[in-house]
PDB file of N, CA and C in Angstrom:
ATOM      1  N   MET A   1      46.315 -51.964  22.122  1.00  0.00           N
ATOM      2  CA  MET A   1      46.645 -52.387  20.317  1.00  0.00           C
ATOM      3  C   MET A   1      47.718 -52.152  20.550  1.00  0.00           C
ATOM      4  N   SER A   2      47.438 -53.594  19.580  1.00  0.00           N
ATOM      5  CA  SER A   2      48.639 -53.115  18.562  1.00  0.00           C
ATOM      6  C   SER A   2      49.177 -52.826  17.160  1.00  0.00           C
ATOM      7  N   ALA A   3      50.119 -52.568  17.617  1.00  0.00           N
ATOM      8  CA  ALA A   3      50.797 -52.023  15.473  1.00  0.00           C
ATOM      9  C   ALA A   3      49.783 -51.990  14.388  1.00  0.00           C
ATOM     10  N   CYS A   4      49.905 -53.484  14.613  1.00  0.00           N
ATOM     11  CA  CYS A   4      49.262 -53.595  12.989  1.00  0.00           C
ATOM     12  C   CYS A   4      47.860 -53.850  13.142  1.00  0.00           C
ATOM     13  N   PHE A   5      47.207 -53.640  14.228  1.00  0.00           N
ATOM     14  CA  PHE A   5      45.829 -52.726  14.097  1.00  0.00           C
ATOM     15  C   PHE A   5      45.478 -51.849  14.013  1.00  0.00           C
ATOM     16  N   LEU A   6      47.140 -50.856  14.028  1.00  0.00           N
ATOM     17  CA  LEU A   6      46.318 -49.437  13.636  1.00  0.00           C
ATOM     18  C   LEU A   6      47.048 -49.466  12.372  1.00  0.00           C
ATOM     19  N   ILE A   7      47.727 -49.677  11.658  1.00  0.00           N
ATOM     20  CA  ILE A   7      48.137 -49.690   9.957  1.00  0.00           C
ATOM     21  C   ILE A   7      46.927 -50.492   9.779  1.00  0.00           C
ATOM     22  N   ARG A   8      45.974 -50.805   9.369  1.00  0.00           N
ATOM     23  CA  ARG A   8      45.239 -51.597   9.118  1.00  0.00           C
ATOM     24  C   ARG A   8      43.897 -50.375   8.740  1.00  0.00           C
ATOM     25  N   LYS A   9      43.644 -50.085  10.166  1.00  0.00           N
ATOM     26  CA  LYS A   9      42.219 -49.372  10.117  1.00  0.00           C
ATOM     27  C   LYS A   9      41.983 -48.589   9.306  1.00  0.00           C
ATOM     28  N   TYR A  10      42.406 -47.686   8.699  1.00  0.00           N
ATOM     29  CA  TYR A  10      42.400 -46.787   7.608  1.00  0.00           C
ATOM     30  C   TYR A  10      42.603 -46.552   6.943  1.00  0.00           C
ATOM     31  N   MET A  11      42.509 -46.467   5.400  1.00  0.00           N
ATOM     32  CA  MET A  11      42.377 -46.914   4.023  1.00  0.00           C
ATOM     33  C   MET A  11      43.913 -46.110   3.303  1.00  0.00           C
ATOM     34  N   PRO A  12      43.957 -46.580   2.689  1.00  0.00           N
ATOM     35  CA  PRO A  12      45.635 -46.306   2.065  1.00  0.00           C
ATOM     36  C   PRO A  12      45.388 -45.101   1.416  1.00  0.00           C
ATOM     37  N   LYS A  13      46.096 -43.750   0.878  1.00  0.00           N
ATOM     38  CA  LYS A  13      46.325 -42.465   0.910  1.00  0.00           C
ATOM     39  C   LYS A  13      46.554 -42.887  -1.437  1.00  0.00           C
ATOM     40  N   ILE A  14      46.039 -42.222  -1.093  1.00  0.00           N
ATOM     41  CA  ILE A  14      45.762 -42.403  -3.432  1.00  0.00           C
ATOM     42  C   ILE A  14      47.608 -41.381  -3.560  1.00  0.00           C
ATOM     43  N   LYS A  15      48.289 -41.632  -4.293  1.00  0.00           N
ATOM     44  CA  LYS A  15      48.693 -41.122  -4.553  1.00  0.00           C
ATOM     45  C   LYS A  15      48.638 -40.561  -5.843  1.00  0.00           C
ATOM     46  N   THR A  16      50.056 -39.458  -5.866  1.00  0.00           N
ATOM     47  CA  THR A  16      49.359 -38.246  -7.261  1.00  0.00           C
ATOM     48  C   THR A  16      50.126 -38.379  -8.630  1.00  0.00           C
ATOM     49  N   HIS A  17      49.891 -38.307  -9.561  1.00  0.00           N
ATOM     50  CA  HIS A  17      50.808 -38.801 -10.811  1.00  0.00           C
ATOM     51  C   HIS A  17      50.838 -37.490 -11.298  1.00  0.00           C
ATOM     52  N   LYS A  18      52.142 -36.989 -10.203  1.00  0.00           N
ATOM     53  CA  LYS A  18      52.900 -36.227 -10.910  1.00  0.00           C
ATOM     54  C   LYS A  18      53.949 -35.247 -12.211  1.00  0.00           C
ATOM     55  N   ALA A  19      53.480 -35.680 -13.269  1.00  0.00           N
ATOM     56  CA  ALA A  19      53.192 -35.396 -14.060  1.00  0.00           C
ATOM     57  C   ALA A  19      51.789 -35.350 -14.739  1.00  0.00           C
ATOM     58  N   THR A  20      50.565 -35.017 -14.558  1.00  0.00           N
ATOM     59  CA  THR A  20      49.713 -35.118 -14.426  1.00  0.00           C
ATOM     60  C   THR A  20      49.453 -33.213 -14.356  1.00  0.00           C
ATOM     61  N   VAL A  21      49.660 -33.747 -12.538  1.00  0.00           N
ATOM     62  CA  VAL A  21      50.297 -32.040 -11.929  1.00  0.00           C
ATOM     63  C   VAL A  21      50.685 -30.992 -12.977  1.00  0.00           C
ATOM     64  N   LYS A  22      51.563 -30.838 -13.302  1.00  0.00           N
ATOM     65  CA  LYS A  22      52.679 -30.676 -14.258  1.00  0.00           C
ATOM     66  C   LYS A  22      52.125 -29.942 -14.833  1.00  0.00           C
ATOM     67  N   ARG A  23      50.989 -30.829 -16.323  1.00  0.00           N
ATOM     68  CA  ARG A  23      50.949 -30.409 -17.352  1.00  0.00           C
ATOM     69  C   ARG A  23      49.253 -29.555 -17.660  1.00  0.00           C
ATOM     70  N   PHE A  24      48.466 -29.858 -16.363  1.00  0.00           N
ATOM     71  CA  PHE A  24      47.306 -29.034 -16.191  1.00  0.00           C
ATOM     72  C   PHE A  24      47.428 -28.393 -15.021  1.00  0.00           C
ATOM     73  N   LYS A  25      46.899 -27.052 -15.800  1.00  0.00           N
ATOM     74  CA  LYS A  25      46.445 -26.348 -14.546  1.00  0.00           C
ATOM     75  C   LYS A  25      44.544 -25.689 -14.162  1.00  0.00           C
ATOM     76  N   LYS A  26      43.831 -25.516 -13.016  1.00  0.00           N
ATOM     77  CA  LYS A  26      42.511 -25.678 -13.194  1.00  0.00           C
ATOM     78  C   LYS A  26      42.057 -23.720 -12.952  1.00  0.00           C
ATOM     79  N   THR A  27      41.303 -24.058 -13.429  1.00  0.00           N
ATOM     80  CA  THR A  27      41.104 -22.068 -13.727  1.00  0.00           C
ATOM     81  C   THR A  27      40.010 -21.539 -12.745  1.00  0.00           C
ATOM     82  N   GLY A  28      39.691 -20.543 -12.805  1.00  0.00           N
ATOM     83  CA  GLY A  28      38.682 -19.881 -11.746  1.00  0.00           C
ATOM     84  C   GLY A  28      37.785 -20.800 -11.963  1.00  0.00           C
ATOM     85  N   LYS A  29      37.197 -20.919 -12.357  1.00  0.00           N
ATOM     86  CA  LYS A  29      36.109 -21.755 -12.748  1.00  0.00           C
ATOM     87  C   LYS A  29      35.811 -23.092 -13.133  1.00  0.00           C
ATOM     88  N   ASN A  30      36.911 -23.989 -12.125  1.00  0.00           N
ATOM     89  CA  ASN A  30      36.930 -24.940 -11.937  1.00  0.00           C
ATOM     90  C   ASN A  30      37.595 -26.344 -13.399  1.00  0.00           C
ATOM     91  N   ASN A  31      37.831 -25.412 -15.154  1.00  0.00           N
ATOM     92  CA  ASN A  31      37.410 -26.215 -16.093  1.00  0.00           C
ATOM     93  C   ASN A  31      39.655 -25.876 -15.751  1.00  0.00           C
ATOM     94  N   LEU A  32      40.169 -27.264 -17.245  1.00  0.00           N
ATOM     95  CA  LEU A  32      41.390 -27.734 -16.797  1.00  0.00           C
ATOM     96  C   LEU A  32      41.919 -26.902 -18.239  1.00  0.00           C
ATOM     97  N   THR A  33      43.258 -26.688 -18.216  1.00  0.00           N
ATOM     98  CA  THR A  33      43.700 -26.172 -19.795  1.00  0.00           C
ATOM     99  C   THR A  33      44.911 -26.663 -19.388  1.00  0.00           C
ATOM    100  N   GLN A  34      45.955 -26.525 -20.532  1.00  0.00           N
ATOM    101  CA  GLN A  34      47.084 -27.151 -20.770  1.00  0.00           C
ATOM    102  C   GLN A  34      47.501 -26.624 -22.029  1.00  0.00           C
ATOM    103  N   ARG A  35      49.044 -26.153 -21.861  1.00  0.00           N
ATOM    104  CA  ARG A  35      50.280 -25.726 -23.301  1.00  0.00           C
ATOM    105  C   ARG A  35      49.475 -26.149 -25.041  1.00  0.00           C
ATOM    106  N   LYS A  36      49.418 -25.719 -25.706  1.00  0.00           N
ATOM    107  CA  LYS A  36      49.499 -26.758 -26.475  1.00  0.00           C
ATOM    108  C   LYS A  36      51.050 -27.085 -27.576  1.00  0.00           C
ATOM    109  N   ALA A  37      50.253 -27.953 -27.434  1.00  0.00           N
ATOM    110  CA  ALA A  37      51.565 -29.299 -28.000  1.00  0.00           C
ATOM    111  C   ALA A  37      52.820 -28.522 -29.475  1.00  0.00           C
ATOM    112  N   GLY A  38      53.538 -29.350 -29.599  1.00  0.00           N
ATOM    113  CA  GLY A  38      54.266 -28.806 -30.590  1.00  0.00           C
ATOM    114  C   GLY A  38      55.153 -27.601 -29.929  1.00  0.00           C
ATOM    115  N   GLN A  39      56.657 -26.840 -29.384  1.00  0.00           N
ATOM    116  CA  GLN A  39      56.589 -25.674 -29.502  1.00  0.00           C
ATOM    117  C   GLN A  39      57.876 -26.113 -28.911  1.00  0.00           C
ATOM    118  N   ASP A  40      58.439 -27.147 -28.513  1.00  0.00           N
ATOM    119  CA  ASP A  40      59.501 -27.065 -29.061  1.00  0.00           C
ATOM    120  C   ASP A  40      60.553 -26.540 -29.560  1.00  0.00           C
ATOM    121  N   HIS A  41      60.363 -27.658 -30.766  1.00  0.00           N
ATOM    122  CA  HIS A  41      61.303 -27.423 -31.409  1.00  0.00           C
ATOM    123  C   HIS A  41      60.982 -27.247 -33.013  1.00  0.00           C
ATOM    124  N   PHE A  42      61.621 -27.181 -34.561  1.00  0.00           N
ATOM    125  CA  PHE A  42      61.242 -27.203 -35.577  1.00  0.00           C
ATOM    126  C   PHE A  42      60.145 -26.039 -35.802  1.00  0.00           C
ATOM    127  N   ASN A  43      60.072 -24.480 -35.304  1.00  0.00           N
ATOM    128  CA  ASN A  43      59.167 -23.903 -35.103  1.00  0.00           C
ATOM    129  C   ASN A  43      59.731 -22.910 -35.998  1.00  0.00           C
ATOM    130  N   SER A  44      60.512 -22.455 -36.871  1.00  0.00           N
ATOM    131  CA  SER A  44      61.067 -21.552 -37.537  1.00  0.00           C
ATOM    132  C   SER A  44      59.708 -21.341 -38.491  1.00  0.00           C
ATOM    133  N   HIS A  45      60.455 -22.964 -38.979  1.00  0.00           N
ATOM    134  CA  HIS A  45      59.406 -23.080 -40.924  1.00  0.00           C
ATOM    135  C   HIS A  45      57.545 -23.018 -40.629  1.00  0.00           C
ATOM    136  N   GLU A  46      57.733 -22.774 -39.538  1.00  0.00           N
ATOM    137  CA  GLU A  46      56.512 -22.410 -40.270  1.00  0.00           C
ATOM    138  C   GLU A  46      55.966 -21.257 -40.696  1.00  0.00           C
ATOM    139  N   SER A  47      54.309 -20.618 -40.557  1.00  0.00           N
ATOM    140  CA  SER A  47      53.732 -19.003 -40.395  1.00  0.00           C
ATOM    141  C   SER A  47      54.050 -18.672 -39.138  1.00  0.00           C
ATOM    142  N   GLY A  48      53.972 -17.538 -38.811  1.00  0.00           N
ATOM    143  CA  GLY A  48      53.867 -16.832 -37.872  1.00  0.00           C
ATOM    144  C   GLY A  48      52.489 -16.976 -37.086  1.00  0.00           C
ATOM    145  N   ASN A  49      51.578 -16.912 -38.201  1.00  0.00           N
ATOM    146  CA  ASN A  49      50.307 -18.128 -37.396  1.00  0.00           C
ATOM    147  C   ASN A  49      50.127 -18.810 -36.629  1.00  0.00           C
ATOM    148  N   THR A  50      51.001 -19.483 -36.932  1.00  0.00           N
ATOM    149  CA  THR A  50      50.569 -21.153 -36.326  1.00  0.00           C
ATOM    150  C   THR A  50      51.409 -20.763 -35.755  1.00  0.00           C
ATOM    151  N   THR A  51      52.581 -20.115 -34.919  1.00  0.00           N
ATOM    152  CA  THR A  51      53.555 -19.675 -33.927  1.00  0.00           C
ATOM    153  C   THR A  51      53.424 -18.952 -32.494  1.00  0.00           C
ATOM    154  N   ARG A  52      52.290 -17.860 -33.707  1.00  0.00           N
ATOM    155  CA  ARG A  52      50.700 -17.298 -32.526  1.00  0.00           C
ATOM    156  C   ARG A  52      49.805 -18.261 -31.426  1.00  0.00           C
ATOM    157  N   GLN A  53      49.698 -19.130 -32.217  1.00  0.00           N
ATOM    158  CA  GLN A  53      48.167 -20.070 -31.806  1.00  0.00           C
ATOM    159  C   GLN A  53      49.145 -20.852 -31.010  1.00  0.00           C
ATOM    160  N   LYS A  54      50.058 -21.280 -30.902  1.00  0.00           N
ATOM    161  CA  LYS A  54      50.826 -21.659 -30.139  1.00  0.00           C
ATOM    162  C   LYS A  54      51.160 -21.746 -28.849  1.00  0.00           C
ATOM    163  N   ARG A  55      51.061 -20.283 -29.080  1.00  0.00           N
ATOM    164  CA  ARG A  55      50.993 -19.600 -27.794  1.00  0.00           C
ATOM    165  C   ARG A  55      50.511 -19.491 -26.703  1.00  0.00           C
ATOM    166  N   LYS A  56      49.198 -19.386 -27.410  1.00  0.00           N
ATOM    167  CA  LYS A  56      47.181 -19.788 -26.274  1.00  0.00           C
ATOM    168  C   LYS A  56      46.991 -21.229 -25.499  1.00  0.00           C
ATOM    169  N   ASP A  57      47.156 -21.642 -24.252  1.00  0.00           N
ATOM    170  CA  ASP A  57      46.793 -22.606 -23.785  1.00  0.00           C
ATOM    171  C   ASP A  57      44.763 -22.812 -24.268  1.00  0.00           C
ATOM    172  N   ILE A  58      45.192 -24.286 -24.612  1.00  0.00           N
ATOM    173  CA  ILE A  58      43.732 -24.715 -24.682  1.00  0.00           C
ATOM    174  C   ILE A  58      43.224 -25.668 -23.651  1.00  0.00           C
ATOM    175  N   SER A  59      41.959 -25.591 -23.378  1.00  0.00           N
ATOM    176  CA  SER A  59      40.722 -26.038 -22.140  1.00  0.00           C
ATOM    177  C   SER A  59      41.184 -27.572 -22.697  1.00  0.00           C
ATOM    178  N   VAL A  60      40.561 -28.296 -21.444  1.00  0.00           N
ATOM    179  CA  VAL A  60      40.754 -29.699 -21.860  1.00  0.00           C
ATOM    180  C   VAL A  60      39.366 -30.675 -21.573  1.00  0.00           C
ATOM    181  N   ASP A  61      39.002 -30.798 -22.651  1.00  0.00           N
ATOM    182  CA  ASP A  61      37.371 -32.056 -22.783  1.00  0.00           C
ATOM    183  C   ASP A  61      37.620 -32.120 -21.437  1.00  0.00           C
ATOM    184  N   LYS A  62      36.104 -32.472 -21.496  1.00  0.00           N
ATOM    185  CA  LYS A  62      35.743 -32.951 -20.158  1.00  0.00           C
ATOM    186  C   LYS A  62      35.333 -33.704 -20.118  1.00  0.00           C
ATOM    187  N   THR A  63      36.035 -35.141 -21.221  1.00  0.00           N
ATOM    188  CA  THR A  63      35.600 -36.571 -20.258  1.00  0.00           C
ATOM    189  C   THR A  63      37.341 -36.979 -20.072  1.00  0.00           C
ATOM    190  N   PHE A  64      37.672 -35.741 -20.687  1.00  0.00           N
ATOM    191  CA  PHE A  64      39.448 -36.459 -20.161  1.00  0.00           C
ATOM    192  C   PHE A  64      39.482 -35.956 -19.113  1.00  0.00           C
ATOM    193  N   GLY A  65      39.142 -34.600 -18.993  1.00  0.00           N
ATOM    194  CA  GLY A  65      38.462 -33.462 -17.089  1.00  0.00           C
ATOM    195  C   GLY A  65      38.589 -34.768 -15.861  1.00  0.00           C
ATOM    196  N   LYS A  66      37.519 -35.998 -16.579  1.00  0.00           N
ATOM    197  CA  LYS A  66      37.722 -36.248 -15.736  1.00  0.00           C
ATOM    198  C   LYS A  66      38.706 -37.897 -15.251  1.00  0.00           C
ATOM    199  N   THR A  67      39.793 -38.290 -16.510  1.00  0.00           N
ATOM    200  CA  THR A  67      40.522 -38.828 -16.533  1.00  0.00           C
ATOM    201  C   THR A  67      41.620 -37.727 -15.647  1.00  0.00           C
ATOM    202  N   VAL A  68      41.944 -37.455 -15.680  1.00  0.00           N
ATOM    203  CA  VAL A  68      42.957 -35.860 -14.829  1.00  0.00           C
ATOM    204  C   VAL A  68      42.274 -35.890 -13.426  1.00  0.00           C
ATOM    205  N   LYS A  69      41.610 -35.810 -13.278  1.00  0.00           N
ATOM    206  CA  LYS A  69      41.006 -35.469 -12.156  1.00  0.00           C
ATOM    207  C   LYS A  69      41.147 -36.443 -11.097  1.00  0.00           C
ATOM    208  N   ILE A  70      41.375 -38.501 -11.834  1.00  0.00           N
ATOM    209  CA  ILE A  70      41.617 -39.400 -11.225  1.00  0.00           C
ATOM    210  C   ILE A  70      43.161 -39.664 -10.873  1.00  0.00           C
ATOM    211  N   LEU A  71      44.025 -38.852 -11.487  1.00  0.00           N
ATOM    212  CA  LEU A  71      45.562 -39.035 -11.617  1.00  0.00           C
ATOM    213  C   LEU A  71      46.291 -38.012 -10.775  1.00  0.00           C
ATOM    214  N   ALA A  72      45.049 -37.398 -10.406  1.00  0.00           N
ATOM    215  CA  ALA A  72      45.184 -36.181  -9.320  1.00  0.00           C
ATOM    216  C   ALA A  72      45.015 -35.936  -8.689  1.00  0.00           C
ATOM    217  N   PRO A  73      44.055 -36.488  -7.394  1.00  0.00           N
ATOM    218  CA  PRO A  73      42.680 -36.173  -6.748  1.00  0.00           C
ATOM    219  C   PRO A  73      43.003 -35.325  -5.905  1.00  0.00           C
ATOM    220  N   TYR A  74      44.005 -34.979  -6.031  1.00  0.00           N
ATOM    221  CA  TYR A  74      44.086 -33.710  -4.280  1.00  0.00           C
ATOM    222  C   TYR A  74      44.654 -32.389  -4.850  1.00  0.00           C
ATOM    223  N   ASN A  75      45.143 -32.282  -6.440  1.00  0.00           N
ATOM    224  CA  ASN A  75      45.045 -30.990  -6.987  1.00  0.00           C
ATOM    225  C   ASN A  75      44.147 -31.241  -8.222  1.00  0.00           C
ATOM    226  N   TYR A  76      42.622 -31.292  -8.392  1.00  0.00           N
ATOM    227  CA  TYR A  76      41.594 -30.592  -9.161  1.00  0.00           C
ATOM    228  C   TYR A  76      40.510 -31.451  -8.621  1.00  0.00           C
ATOM    229  N   ASN A  77      40.037 -31.292  -7.472  1.00  0.00           N
ATOM    230  CA  ASN A  77      39.137 -31.871  -7.026  1.00  0.00           C
ATOM    231  C   ASN A  77      38.689 -30.654  -5.762  1.00  0.00           C
TER     232      ASN A  77
END
């Protein structure tokens, strides 16, 4: 067999979108969570309530979760 035949025999691997893997995490019940946005700077003028709410993770919508699973097929399936 030639080397060309061996290369074309298998489907190519799907590349993982690395930024997606860093931003989302899978929970025990297969839900996706992400950090709440807007925590980097300009937080001193906000109320304590807003600051505390930003510390919590939020769950990802199921329709957007499908997109995340396409971008990172080996991490979330």
